[in-house]
Amino acid sequence: MAVLGPGGVGGLLAALLARAGHRVICLAGPGTADHLARHGLTVRSARYGDFTAPVTAGTGLGEPVDACLITVKHTALPAALERIPPAALGEGLLLPLLNGVEHPALLRGRYAPRRVVAAAIRVESTRTAPGVIEHTSPFAGIDAAAPAGAPDAVRSRLAGLAAALTAAGVRTTLREDEAAVLWSKMAFLAPLALLTTRYGEPVGGIRSGHRAELRALLAETVAVAAACGAPADAAELLGFWDALPAGMKSSMQRDAEAGRPLELDAIGGALLRAAEAHGIPVPTAAALVAALPG
């Protein structure tokens, strides 16, 4: 299988799959690809241990694969997709583990629509140096749903991929509802990303110092998620927030701290567009998006 973007998330998954005995092709820029080909991927994790796994690496996909995990940032997605020519992918699945909810439509405009699988990952993992991944969350899990009307061959291949990921240590659950997969994560992700980035504080600081705003934002995102076909419970999400490590940061907050482009449009912008489409007022979300650099 292949991994496009072996950073914090992609690097962790590639290393775990390689450690489990799978041949993994990491697709990246020339410098990163060369480094990975020579040194492999090193993971530091309280959950998975510290280890180094060898991987194959290149700048573009040159052979068919069973599946390609897409783990780049939204801001880098259009350029990164040039590394996966549709003809080279063959019959392989595309499993995008991106933030937001709008990317499946983009990918289905470029690749065979029924081979693009909606998926969401919950994990905190960061690339601290080329080929070095620090996994800091006590959890890592994936939900995925085959496209409506997908043939049995696609469903069978997806089941095989889910089994491989689960055996490697990342429990992967197959769902029937694509909207539920995407929006159940969005209902959690949007408040996390917007609030931690806006105030420059980790989870602990948000839930203690900005709790009223957190509650309001959770209520807004839950309302939008329900309108999009994914009912959620704001009280349940707040309880999940309260169980998170106090020092946890969102990936968008880390990008802001490092001066990297933000996935603001993919997360906050997508939330506002969905709210507008369904006529749902989201003043808290709109104020946060307006306060952040686009």
C-alpha atoms as a PDB file:
ATOM      1  CA  MET A   1       0.000   0.000   0.000  1.00  0.00           C
ATOM      2  CA  ALA A   2       1.016   3.652  -0.283  1.00  0.00           C
ATOM      3  CA  VAL A   3       0.929   6.667   2.010  1.00  0.00           C
ATOM      4  CA  LEU A   4       0.822  10.140   0.482  1.00  0.00           C
ATOM      5  CA  GLY A   5       2.317  12.528   3.025  1.00  0.00           C
ATOM      6  CA  PRO A   6       4.321  10.628   5.665  1.00  0.00           C
ATOM      7  CA  GLY A   7       4.076  13.370   8.291  1.00  0.00           C
ATOM      8  CA  GLY A   8       2.587  13.103  11.768  1.00  0.00           C
ATOM      9  CA  VAL A   9      -0.439  10.999  10.836  1.00  0.00           C
ATOM     10  CA  GLY A  10       0.790   9.349   7.649  1.00  0.00           C
ATOM     11  CA  GLY A  11       4.195   8.580   9.089  1.00  0.00           C
ATOM     12  CA  LEU A  12       2.663   6.897  12.129  1.00  0.00           C
ATOM     13  CA  LEU A  13       0.355   4.734  10.003  1.00  0.00           C
ATOM     14  CA  ALA A  14       3.103   3.866   7.524  1.00  0.00           C
ATOM     15  CA  ALA A  15       5.465   2.847  10.318  1.00  0.00           C
ATOM     16  CA  LEU A  16       2.855   0.719  12.097  1.00  0.00           C
ATOM     17  CA  LEU A  17       1.870  -1.041   8.865  1.00  0.00           C
ATOM     18  CA  ALA A  18       5.520  -1.621   7.930  1.00  0.00           C
ATOM     19  CA  ARG A  19       6.258  -2.997  11.404  1.00  0.00           C
ATOM     20  CA  ALA A  20       3.330  -5.390  10.932  1.00  0.00           C
ATOM     21  CA  GLY A  21       4.977  -6.778   7.801  1.00  0.00           C
ATOM     22  CA  HIS A  22       3.319  -4.809   4.994  1.00  0.00           C
ATOM     23  CA  ARG A  23       5.259  -3.247   2.144  1.00  0.00           C
ATOM     24  CA  VAL A  24       4.543   0.473   2.403  1.00  0.00           C
ATOM     25  CA  ILE A  25       5.444   3.068  -0.219  1.00  0.00           C
ATOM     26  CA  CYS A  26       5.775   6.587   1.221  1.00  0.00           C
ATOM     27  CA  LEU A  27       5.199   9.360  -1.329  1.00  0.00           C
ATOM     28  CA  ALA A  28       6.859  12.682  -0.539  1.00  0.00           C
ATOM     29  CA  GLY A  29       9.204  15.367  -1.833  1.00  0.00           C
ATOM     30  CA  PRO A  30      12.689  14.342  -3.017  1.00  0.00           C
ATOM     31  CA  GLY A  31      14.483  15.184   0.236  1.00  0.00           C
ATOM     32  CA  THR A  32      12.004  13.407   2.475  1.00  0.00           C
ATOM     33  CA  ALA A  33      11.725  10.415   0.151  1.00  0.00           C
ATOM     34  CA  ASP A  34      15.508  10.005   0.087  1.00  0.00           C
ATOM     35  CA  HIS A  35      15.730  10.242   3.872  1.00  0.00           C
ATOM     36  CA  LEU A  36      12.994   7.663   4.401  1.00  0.00           C
ATOM     37  CA  ALA A  37      14.496   5.273   1.878  1.00  0.00           C
ATOM     38  CA  ARG A  38      17.802   5.388   3.746  1.00  0.00           C
ATOM     39  CA  HIS A  39      16.669   5.633   7.363  1.00  0.00           C
ATOM     40  CA  GLY A  40      13.043   4.471   7.528  1.00  0.00           C
ATOM     41  CA  LEU A  41      10.479   5.922   9.929  1.00  0.00           C
ATOM     42  CA  THR A  42      11.111   6.320  13.642  1.00  0.00           C
ATOM     43  CA  VAL A  43       8.132   6.422  16.021  1.00  0.00           C
ATOM     44  CA  ARG A  44       8.123   7.519  19.639  1.00  0.00           C
ATOM     45  CA  SER A  45       4.924   6.558  21.385  1.00  0.00           C
ATOM     46  CA  ALA A  46       3.797   5.617  24.859  1.00  0.00           C
ATOM     47  CA  ARG A  47       1.146   3.421  23.281  1.00  0.00           C
ATOM     48  CA  TYR A  48       3.115   1.735  20.506  1.00  0.00           C
ATOM     49  CA  GLY A  49       6.620   1.966  21.920  1.00  0.00           C
ATOM     50  CA  ASP A  50       9.711   3.437  20.299  1.00  0.00           C
ATOM     51  CA  PHE A  51      10.762   1.757  17.063  1.00  0.00           C
ATOM     52  CA  THR A  52      12.123   2.288  13.557  1.00  0.00           C
ATOM     53  CA  ALA A  53      10.488   0.646  10.530  1.00  0.00           C
ATOM     54  CA  PRO A  54      11.951   0.425   7.005  1.00  0.00           C
ATOM     55  CA  VAL A  55       9.756   1.718   4.176  1.00  0.00           C
ATOM     56  CA  THR A  56       9.956   2.120   0.420  1.00  0.00           C
ATOM     57  CA  ALA A  57       9.876   5.777  -0.623  1.00  0.00           C
ATOM     58  CA  GLY A  58       9.494   7.782  -3.803  1.00  0.00           C
ATOM     59  CA  THR A  59       8.221  11.057  -5.225  1.00  0.00           C
ATOM     60  CA  GLY A  60       5.379   9.529  -7.222  1.00  0.00           C
ATOM     61  CA  LEU A  61       3.333   6.362  -7.423  1.00  0.00           C
ATOM     62  CA  GLY A  62       4.739   4.161 -10.185  1.00  0.00           C
ATOM     63  CA  GLU A  63       2.949   0.873  -9.522  1.00  0.00           C
ATOM     64  CA  PRO A  64      -0.533  -0.313  -8.602  1.00  0.00           C
ATOM     65  CA  VAL A  65      -1.342  -0.618  -4.893  1.00  0.00           C
ATOM     66  CA  ASP A  66      -4.237  -2.079  -2.947  1.00  0.00           C
ATOM     67  CA  ALA A  67      -4.828   1.252  -1.224  1.00  0.00           C
ATOM     68  CA  CYS A  68      -3.330   4.705  -0.855  1.00  0.00           C
ATOM     69  CA  LEU A  69      -3.794   6.648   2.367  1.00  0.00           C
ATOM     70  CA  ILE A  70      -3.891  10.409   1.800  1.00  0.00           C
ATOM     71  CA  THR A  71      -2.563  12.199   4.871  1.00  0.00           C
ATOM     72  CA  VAL A  72      -1.333  15.572   3.636  1.00  0.00           C
ATOM     73  CA  LYS A  73      -2.704  18.898   4.815  1.00  0.00           C
ATOM     74  CA  HIS A  74      -5.567  20.423   2.825  1.00  0.00           C
ATOM     75  CA  THR A  75      -3.320  23.340   1.970  1.00  0.00           C
ATOM     76  CA  ALA A  76      -0.931  20.949   0.177  1.00  0.00           C
ATOM     77  CA  LEU A  77      -3.525  18.611  -1.327  1.00  0.00           C
ATOM     78  CA  PRO A  78      -3.767  19.841  -4.961  1.00  0.00           C
ATOM     79  CA  ALA A  79      -0.003  19.698  -5.502  1.00  0.00           C
ATOM     80  CA  ALA A  80       0.365  16.427  -3.605  1.00  0.00           C
ATOM     81  CA  LEU A  81      -2.198  14.658  -5.776  1.00  0.00           C
ATOM     82  CA  GLU A  82       0.173  15.041  -8.723  1.00  0.00           C
ATOM     83  CA  ARG A  83       2.165  12.250  -7.050  1.00  0.00           C
ATOM     84  CA  ILE A  84      -0.745   9.834  -7.645  1.00  0.00           C
ATOM     85  CA  PRO A  85      -1.613   9.654 -11.362  1.00  0.00           C
ATOM     86  CA  PRO A  86      -5.048   8.059 -11.740  1.00  0.00           C
ATOM     87  CA  ALA A  87      -3.647   5.493 -14.175  1.00  0.00           C
ATOM     88  CA  ALA A  88      -0.937   4.431 -11.720  1.00  0.00           C
ATOM     89  CA  LEU A  89      -3.433   3.861  -8.913  1.00  0.00           C
ATOM     90  CA  GLY A  90      -5.140   1.126 -10.893  1.00  0.00           C
ATOM     91  CA  GLU A  91      -7.845  -0.620  -8.879  1.00  0.00           C
ATOM     92  CA  GLY A  92      -6.543   0.694  -5.571  1.00  0.00           C
ATOM     93  CA  LEU A  93      -8.667   2.455  -2.963  1.00  0.00           C
ATOM     94  CA  LEU A  94      -8.092   6.024  -1.861  1.00  0.00           C
ATOM     95  CA  LEU A  95      -8.524   6.513   1.872  1.00  0.00           C
ATOM     96  CA  PRO A  96      -8.257  10.250   2.638  1.00  0.00           C
ATOM     97  CA  LEU A  97      -7.577  10.931   6.322  1.00  0.00           C
ATOM     98  CA  LEU A  98      -7.959  14.675   6.006  1.00  0.00           C
ATOM     99  CA  ASN A  99      -9.596  17.275   8.178  1.00  0.00           C
ATOM    100  CA  GLY A 100     -12.920  18.650   7.004  1.00  0.00           C
ATOM    101  CA  VAL A 101     -15.828  17.211   5.043  1.00  0.00           C
ATOM    102  CA  GLU A 102     -15.547  18.517   1.478  1.00  0.00           C
ATOM    103  CA  HIS A 103     -12.502  16.639   0.146  1.00  0.00           C
ATOM    104  CA  PRO A 104     -14.269  13.418  -0.982  1.00  0.00           C
ATOM    105  CA  ALA A 105     -16.049  15.404  -3.698  1.00  0.00           C
ATOM    106  CA  LEU A 106     -12.744  16.877  -4.883  1.00  0.00           C
ATOM    107  CA  LEU A 107     -11.105  13.447  -5.024  1.00  0.00           C
ATOM    108  CA  ARG A 108     -14.060  11.885  -6.829  1.00  0.00           C
ATOM    109  CA  GLY A 109     -13.673  14.487  -9.539  1.00  0.00           C
ATOM    110  CA  ARG A 110     -10.148  13.194 -10.220  1.00  0.00           C
ATOM    111  CA  TYR A 111     -10.303   9.457  -9.452  1.00  0.00           C
ATOM    112  CA  ALA A 112     -12.880   6.684  -9.870  1.00  0.00           C
ATOM    113  CA  PRO A 113     -15.631   7.896  -7.499  1.00  0.00           C
ATOM    114  CA  ARG A 114     -16.484   4.499  -6.036  1.00  0.00           C
ATOM    115  CA  ARG A 115     -12.873   3.918  -5.014  1.00  0.00           C
ATOM    116  CA  VAL A 116     -12.716   7.044  -2.833  1.00  0.00           C
ATOM    117  CA  VAL A 117     -13.576   6.022   0.715  1.00  0.00           C
ATOM    118  CA  ALA A 118     -14.820   8.530   3.291  1.00  0.00           C
ATOM    119  CA  ALA A 119     -12.789   8.161   6.467  1.00  0.00           C
ATOM    120  CA  ALA A 120     -11.818   9.982   9.640  1.00  0.00           C
ATOM    121  CA  ILE A 121      -8.945   9.421  12.043  1.00  0.00           C
ATOM    122  CA  ARG A 122      -8.714  10.469  15.673  1.00  0.00           C
ATOM    123  CA  VAL A 123      -5.115  10.825  16.795  1.00  0.00           C
ATOM    124  CA  GLU A 124      -2.559  13.376  17.943  1.00  0.00           C
ATOM    125  CA  SER A 125       0.715  12.694  16.186  1.00  0.00           C
ATOM    126  CA  THR A 126       3.423  15.085  15.005  1.00  0.00           C
ATOM    127  CA  ARG A 127       6.466  14.920  12.767  1.00  0.00           C
ATOM    128  CA  THR A 128       9.273  16.397  14.866  1.00  0.00           C
ATOM    129  CA  ALA A 129      12.010  15.893  12.239  1.00  0.00           C
ATOM    130  CA  PRO A 130      12.240  14.190   8.835  1.00  0.00           C
ATOM    131  CA  GLY A 131      11.250  10.592   9.420  1.00  0.00           C
ATOM    132  CA  VAL A 132      10.646  11.071  13.149  1.00  0.00           C
ATOM    133  CA  ILE A 133       7.077  10.794  14.471  1.00  0.00           C
ATOM    134  CA  GLU A 134       5.920  11.578  18.005  1.00  0.00           C
ATOM    135  CA  HIS A 135       2.569  10.034  18.864  1.00  0.00           C
ATOM    136  CA  THR A 136       1.216  11.777  21.965  1.00  0.00           C
ATOM    137  CA  SER A 137      -2.461  10.851  22.279  1.00  0.00           C
ATOM    138  CA  PRO A 138      -3.623   7.803  24.238  1.00  0.00           C
ATOM    139  CA  PHE A 139      -5.927   6.953  21.343  1.00  0.00           C
ATOM    140  CA  ALA A 140      -5.746   6.243  17.608  1.00  0.00           C
ATOM    141  CA  GLY A 141      -8.725   5.031  15.632  1.00  0.00           C
ATOM    142  CA  ILE A 142     -10.244   5.252  12.171  1.00  0.00           C
ATOM    143  CA  ASP A 143     -13.845   5.163  10.953  1.00  0.00           C
ATOM    144  CA  ALA A 144     -14.492   4.520   7.256  1.00  0.00           C
ATOM    145  CA  ALA A 145     -17.491   4.058   4.974  1.00  0.00           C
ATOM    146  CA  ALA A 146     -17.582   2.708   1.445  1.00  0.00           C
ATOM    147  CA  PRO A 147     -19.280   4.960  -1.118  1.00  0.00           C
ATOM    148  CA  ALA A 148     -22.951   4.354  -1.743  1.00  0.00           C
ATOM    149  CA  GLY A 149     -23.365   1.732  -4.404  1.00  0.00           C
ATOM    150  CA  ALA A 150     -19.770   0.523  -4.162  1.00  0.00           C
ATOM    151  CA  PRO A 151     -19.292  -2.915  -5.759  1.00  0.00           C
ATOM    152  CA  ASP A 152     -18.456  -5.969  -3.673  1.00  0.00           C
ATOM    153  CA  ALA A 153     -14.831  -5.843  -4.835  1.00  0.00           C
ATOM    154  CA  VAL A 154     -14.408  -2.379  -3.315  1.00  0.00           C
ATOM    155  CA  ARG A 155     -16.077  -3.394  -0.061  1.00  0.00           C
ATOM    156  CA  SER A 156     -13.933  -6.496   0.162  1.00  0.00           C
ATOM    157  CA  ARG A 157     -10.742  -4.515  -0.399  1.00  0.00           C
ATOM    158  CA  LEU A 158     -11.830  -1.967   2.206  1.00  0.00           C
ATOM    159  CA  ALA A 159     -12.497  -4.756   4.711  1.00  0.00           C
ATOM    160  CA  GLY A 160      -8.993  -6.074   4.079  1.00  0.00           C
ATOM    161  CA  LEU A 161      -7.477  -2.629   4.620  1.00  0.00           C
ATOM    162  CA  ALA A 162      -9.451  -2.167   7.844  1.00  0.00           C
ATOM    163  CA  ALA A 163      -8.239  -5.542   9.098  1.00  0.00           C
ATOM    164  CA  ALA A 164      -4.622  -4.642   8.281  1.00  0.00           C
ATOM    165  CA  LEU A 165      -4.831  -1.311  10.093  1.00  0.00           C
ATOM    166  CA  THR A 166      -6.515  -2.881  13.109  1.00  0.00           C
ATOM    167  CA  ALA A 167      -3.906  -5.641  13.299  1.00  0.00           C
ATOM    168  CA  ALA A 168      -1.183  -2.981  13.105  1.00  0.00           C
ATOM    169  CA  GLY A 169      -2.648  -1.255  16.168  1.00  0.00           C
ATOM    170  CA  VAL A 170      -5.090   1.329  14.783  1.00  0.00           C
ATOM    171  CA  ARG A 171      -8.602   0.029  15.301  1.00  0.00           C
ATOM    172  CA  THR A 172     -10.532   0.677  12.107  1.00  0.00           C
ATOM    173  CA  THR A 173     -14.319   0.455  12.130  1.00  0.00           C
ATOM    174  CA  LEU A 174     -16.393   0.218   8.978  1.00  0.00           C
ATOM    175  CA  ARG A 175     -19.613   2.232   8.920  1.00  0.00           C
ATOM    176  CA  GLU A 176     -22.491   2.396   6.467  1.00  0.00           C
ATOM    177  CA  ASP A 177     -23.088   6.157   6.596  1.00  0.00           C
ATOM    178  CA  GLU A 178     -20.535   8.404   4.943  1.00  0.00           C
ATOM    179  CA  ALA A 179     -22.025  11.604   6.363  1.00  0.00           C
ATOM    180  CA  ALA A 180     -21.876  10.209   9.876  1.00  0.00           C
ATOM    181  CA  VAL A 181     -18.191   9.301   9.465  1.00  0.00           C
ATOM    182  CA  LEU A 182     -17.224  12.781   8.282  1.00  0.00           C
ATOM    183  CA  TRP A 183     -19.464  14.896  10.507  1.00  0.00           C
ATOM    184  CA  SER A 184     -18.991  12.956  13.717  1.00  0.00           C
ATOM    185  CA  LYS A 185     -15.340  13.970  13.556  1.00  0.00           C
ATOM    186  CA  MET A 186     -16.118  17.507  12.370  1.00  0.00           C
ATOM    187  CA  ALA A 187     -18.370  18.103  15.385  1.00  0.00           C
ATOM    188  CA  PHE A 188     -15.357  17.466  17.605  1.00  0.00           C
ATOM    189  CA  LEU A 189     -12.600  18.812  15.366  1.00  0.00           C
ATOM    190  CA  ALA A 190     -14.015  22.238  14.520  1.00  0.00           C
ATOM    191  CA  PRO A 191     -14.315  23.405  18.161  1.00  0.00           C
ATOM    192  CA  LEU A 192     -10.905  21.934  18.978  1.00  0.00           C
ATOM    193  CA  ALA A 193      -9.141  23.552  16.034  1.00  0.00           C
ATOM    194  CA  LEU A 194     -10.868  26.935  16.177  1.00  0.00           C
ATOM    195  CA  LEU A 195     -10.643  27.490  19.925  1.00  0.00           C
ATOM    196  CA  THR A 196      -7.099  26.242  20.538  1.00  0.00           C
ATOM    197  CA  THR A 197      -5.799  28.222  17.560  1.00  0.00           C
ATOM    198  CA  ARG A 198      -7.727  31.388  18.369  1.00  0.00           C
ATOM    199  CA  TYR A 199      -6.483  31.539  21.967  1.00  0.00           C
ATOM    200  CA  GLY A 200      -3.144  29.772  21.607  1.00  0.00           C
ATOM    201  CA  GLU A 201      -3.961  27.436  24.475  1.00  0.00           C
ATOM    202  CA  PRO A 202      -4.175  23.641  24.709  1.00  0.00           C
ATOM    203  CA  VAL A 203      -7.325  21.755  25.646  1.00  0.00           C
ATOM    204  CA  GLY A 204      -6.963  22.349  29.383  1.00  0.00           C
ATOM    205  CA  GLY A 205      -6.854  26.112  28.983  1.00  0.00           C
ATOM    206  CA  ILE A 206      -9.883  26.144  26.686  1.00  0.00           C
ATOM    207  CA  ARG A 207     -12.139  24.044  28.890  1.00  0.00           C
ATOM    208  CA  SER A 208     -11.267  26.043  32.004  1.00  0.00           C
ATOM    209  CA  GLY A 209     -10.884  29.571  30.640  1.00  0.00           C
ATOM    210  CA  HIS A 210     -13.284  29.564  27.668  1.00  0.00           C
ATOM    211  CA  ARG A 211     -15.907  27.026  28.720  1.00  0.00           C
ATOM    212  CA  ALA A 212     -18.960  29.113  27.816  1.00  0.00           C
ATOM    213  CA  GLU A 213     -17.611  29.671  24.311  1.00  0.00           C
ATOM    214  CA  LEU A 214     -16.771  25.961  24.049  1.00  0.00           C
ATOM    215  CA  ARG A 215     -20.332  25.037  24.995  1.00  0.00           C
ATOM    216  CA  ALA A 216     -21.774  27.480  22.465  1.00  0.00           C
ATOM    217  CA  LEU A 217     -19.522  26.219  19.684  1.00  0.00           C
ATOM    218  CA  LEU A 218     -20.292  22.586  20.445  1.00  0.00           C
ATOM    219  CA  ALA A 219     -24.013  23.361  20.253  1.00  0.00           C
ATOM    220  CA  GLU A 220     -23.561  25.063  16.871  1.00  0.00           C
ATOM    221  CA  THR A 221     -21.466  22.283  15.333  1.00  0.00           C
ATOM    222  CA  VAL A 222     -23.837  19.600  16.626  1.00  0.00           C
ATOM    223  CA  ALA A 223     -26.770  21.421  15.018  1.00  0.00           C
ATOM    224  CA  VAL A 224     -24.963  21.595  11.674  1.00  0.00           C
ATOM    225  CA  ALA A 225     -23.824  17.972  11.905  1.00  0.00           C
ATOM    226  CA  ALA A 226     -27.411  16.841  12.561  1.00  0.00           C
ATOM    227  CA  ALA A 227     -28.655  18.804   9.558  1.00  0.00           C
ATOM    228  CA  CYS A 228     -25.983  17.078   7.455  1.00  0.00           C
ATOM    229  CA  GLY A 229     -27.138  13.642   8.557  1.00  0.00           C
ATOM    230  CA  ALA A 230     -24.945  12.946  11.568  1.00  0.00           C
ATOM    231  CA  PRO A 231     -26.805  13.427  14.862  1.00  0.00           C
ATOM    232  CA  ALA A 232     -24.475  14.157  17.777  1.00  0.00           C
ATOM    233  CA  ASP A 233     -24.851  15.080  21.429  1.00  0.00           C
ATOM    234  CA  ALA A 234     -23.238  18.277  22.717  1.00  0.00           C
ATOM    235  CA  ALA A 235     -23.160  17.040  26.324  1.00  0.00           C
ATOM    236  CA  GLU A 236     -21.435  13.843  25.245  1.00  0.00           C
ATOM    237  CA  LEU A 237     -18.857  15.823  23.273  1.00  0.00           C
ATOM    238  CA  LEU A 238     -18.238  18.085  26.256  1.00  0.00           C
ATOM    239  CA  GLY A 239     -17.637  15.003  28.383  1.00  0.00           C
ATOM    240  CA  PHE A 240     -15.126  13.800  25.814  1.00  0.00           C
ATOM    241  CA  TRP A 241     -13.398  17.194  25.993  1.00  0.00           C
ATOM    242  CA  ASP A 242     -13.186  16.893  29.758  1.00  0.00           C
ATOM    243  CA  ALA A 243     -11.443  13.517  29.406  1.00  0.00           C
ATOM    244  CA  LEU A 244      -8.778  14.768  26.973  1.00  0.00           C
ATOM    245  CA  PRO A 245      -5.203  15.371  28.164  1.00  0.00           C
ATOM    246  CA  ALA A 246      -4.908  18.986  29.361  1.00  0.00           C
ATOM    247  CA  GLY A 247      -1.839  19.594  27.216  1.00  0.00           C
ATOM    248  CA  MET A 248      -3.383  18.348  23.970  1.00  0.00           C
ATOM    249  CA  LYS A 249      -3.158  20.763  21.030  1.00  0.00           C
ATOM    250  CA  SER A 250      -4.926  20.730  17.692  1.00  0.00           C
ATOM    251  CA  SER A 251      -2.938  20.286  14.497  1.00  0.00           C
ATOM    252  CA  MET A 252      -4.118  23.720  13.364  1.00  0.00           C
ATOM    253  CA  GLN A 253      -2.762  25.260  16.564  1.00  0.00           C
ATOM    254  CA  ARG A 254       0.585  23.553  15.943  1.00  0.00           C
ATOM    255  CA  ASP A 255       0.589  24.896  12.389  1.00  0.00           C
ATOM    256  CA  ALA A 256      -0.081  28.415  13.684  1.00  0.00           C
ATOM    257  CA  GLU A 257       2.750  28.138  16.201  1.00  0.00           C
ATOM    258  CA  ALA A 258       5.123  26.989  13.455  1.00  0.00           C
ATOM    259  CA  GLY A 259       4.045  29.693  11.021  1.00  0.00           C
ATOM    260  CA  ARG A 260       2.611  27.170   8.555  1.00  0.00           C
ATOM    261  CA  PRO A 261      -0.562  27.752   6.472  1.00  0.00           C
ATOM    262  CA  LEU A 262      -3.755  26.960   8.364  1.00  0.00           C
ATOM    263  CA  GLU A 263      -6.497  24.552   7.325  1.00  0.00           C
ATOM    264  CA  LEU A 264      -8.981  27.247   8.289  1.00  0.00           C
ATOM    265  CA  ASP A 265     -11.080  27.017   5.142  1.00  0.00           C
ATOM    266  CA  ALA A 266     -11.233  23.213   5.229  1.00  0.00           C
ATOM    267  CA  ILE A 267     -12.456  23.244   8.831  1.00  0.00           C
ATOM    268  CA  GLY A 268     -14.006  26.576   9.756  1.00  0.00           C
ATOM    269  CA  GLY A 269     -14.957  27.551   6.214  1.00  0.00           C
ATOM    270  CA  ALA A 270     -16.604  24.195   5.559  1.00  0.00           C
ATOM    271  CA  LEU A 271     -18.576  24.483   8.796  1.00  0.00           C
ATOM    272  CA  LEU A 272     -19.851  27.940   7.855  1.00  0.00           C
ATOM    273  CA  ARG A 273     -20.788  26.827   4.332  1.00  0.00           C
ATOM    274  CA  ALA A 274     -22.741  23.855   5.634  1.00  0.00           C
ATOM    275  CA  ALA A 275     -24.477  26.042   8.214  1.00  0.00           C
ATOM    276  CA  GLU A 276     -25.488  28.537   5.525  1.00  0.00           C
ATOM    277  CA  ALA A 277     -26.749  25.760   3.247  1.00  0.00           C
ATOM    278  CA  HIS A 278     -29.069  24.534   6.004  1.00  0.00           C
ATOM    279  CA  GLY A 279     -30.042  27.949   7.362  1.00  0.00           C
ATOM    280  CA  ILE A 280     -28.469  27.374  10.783  1.00  0.00           C
ATOM    281  CA  PRO A 281     -27.079  30.410  12.662  1.00  0.00           C
ATOM    282  CA  VAL A 282     -23.525  29.836  13.949  1.00  0.00           C
ATOM    283  CA  PRO A 283     -22.409  33.193  15.425  1.00  0.00           C
ATOM    284  CA  THR A 284     -19.711  31.705  17.659  1.00  0.00           C
ATOM    285  CA  ALA A 285     -18.110  29.786  14.800  1.00  0.00           C
ATOM    286  CA  ALA A 286     -18.361  32.782  12.462  1.00  0.00           C
ATOM    287  CA  ALA A 287     -16.636  35.065  14.998  1.00  0.00           C
ATOM    288  CA  LEU A 288     -13.805  32.583  15.542  1.00  0.00           C
ATOM    289  CA  VAL A 289     -13.226  32.077  11.822  1.00  0.00           C
ATOM    290  CA  ALA A 290     -13.199  35.845  11.274  1.00  0.00           C
ATOM    291  CA  ALA A 291     -10.629  36.288  14.061  1.00  0.00           C
ATOM    292  CA  LEU A 292      -8.149  33.833  12.545  1.00  0.00           C
ATOM    293  CA  PRO A 293      -5.843  34.564   9.604  1.00  0.00           C
ATOM    294  CA  GLY A 294      -7.209  32.965   6.460  1.00  0.00           C
END
